[in-house]
Amino acid sequence: MEILINKKAYQAQEGEMILDVCRRENIRIPTLCAFEGLPKEAVCRLCLVEINLADKLVPSCAFPVCEKLEVTTESEKIKKAREVNLELLWSDHAGKCVKCKKNRMCELQSLAEEYKIDNFHFVPRREDLTNAEELDLLKDNKIRVVVEEENPCIARTTEFCVECRRCINICPDKAFGFNHRAGDGVVGTPYEKTLDCSFCGECVRVCPVAALTDKNNFSKIIEDLDDMKKMAVALVAEGMEEKINTMLKYTEIAIEAKEVLKKLGFEKIFDFTEKDDEDEGLDEFKDQLAKKEKINLENIVLFYISDNISLKKEKIANLDHILTDREVARLARDRKII
């Protein structure tokens, strides 16, 4: 069938949503909950569009195409509606960006900047609150926040969660769901138990904010990279260079992965696969490197650059740190590599 989007004709298939057609035709519509390949939840309300078949705005991720459909993706009415919905989401995050792990790598932050969200009509001003009201508000916020750092791979906090349901939908182990009811509902594990899953890392990959992040000892990582007595060695897993480049482009760092690794302090960079580990083993690799570079074994620090975050719980001998593409980009951001 043929539909009109912004007064231009496009082909659409029965069963497709407006957002599906727009994405295929490179017509940008902002969204936080509608991730490629996952169920459309229609909860963030940022993908609102105008159509000729209704007086009100409709979520493009949940409205199916049909005959004689005409869609407008940008208008003043749409802009104002998106700004209101975005402000509601942003109100819990404002002022926390500087110390946030995903600063400059956050989808919500990017949208807030794009729509210039700087006035907060939904956040009560402190001077307008009585002491008792302020205390009640702080208690309510604290009760709703769930922080979990006990598992070995993923840091979780509901403080930044926008309830987009991406983690719920993508998790192969069904480790996430909603706890409590109505306005007290929060995304978490059953009975808020420590996360115990296969640690595939998909939930971290799709999370648009800092509710789910890679867990690591960044202080120790930076200490090892800066230690002049130690040789920092990066073993880059297959496909990771491309993934790092993608993350660097998102953070607007205009240099390639290996150049970034060098600037971070890695003296040696090797392509490394699981087959390399099987054929040679980290023991032999490290021993040969120490002999070649004439350096003591204890002064070699091995970093495995991989998106297999489940390795973080295995405590592999001779492997000092495991970094994902996200963490490489975060290090580059924190160390102001340009």
Foldseek 3Di string as FASTA:
>chain_A
DWEAEPNDIDDDDFPQFQVVRCVVVVNDFDDQQDDPPWQQDCDLVRRWWDWPVDPDTDRRSPHTDDPHIHIYRDDPVSLVSNLVSLLVLCVLPPPPQVVFLCRLNFSSVVVCVVSVNDDHPPDDDPVVDDPVRVVVVVVLLVVLWDWADPDQWKTAIQSNDPPSCPLCGPDPFNQWDWDDDDPSITIAGVVNDHRDDLPLVVSQVSNRGRRIHTDDDVVVVLVLLPDPQAAEEEAEEPPQQVVLQVSCVSSVNPDGDVVLVVVSRHPYYHHDYVVNCVVQNPVRVLVVVCVVVVHDSVRYAYEYEDSRSSVSVVCDPSHHYYHYSSRSSSSCVVVVPD
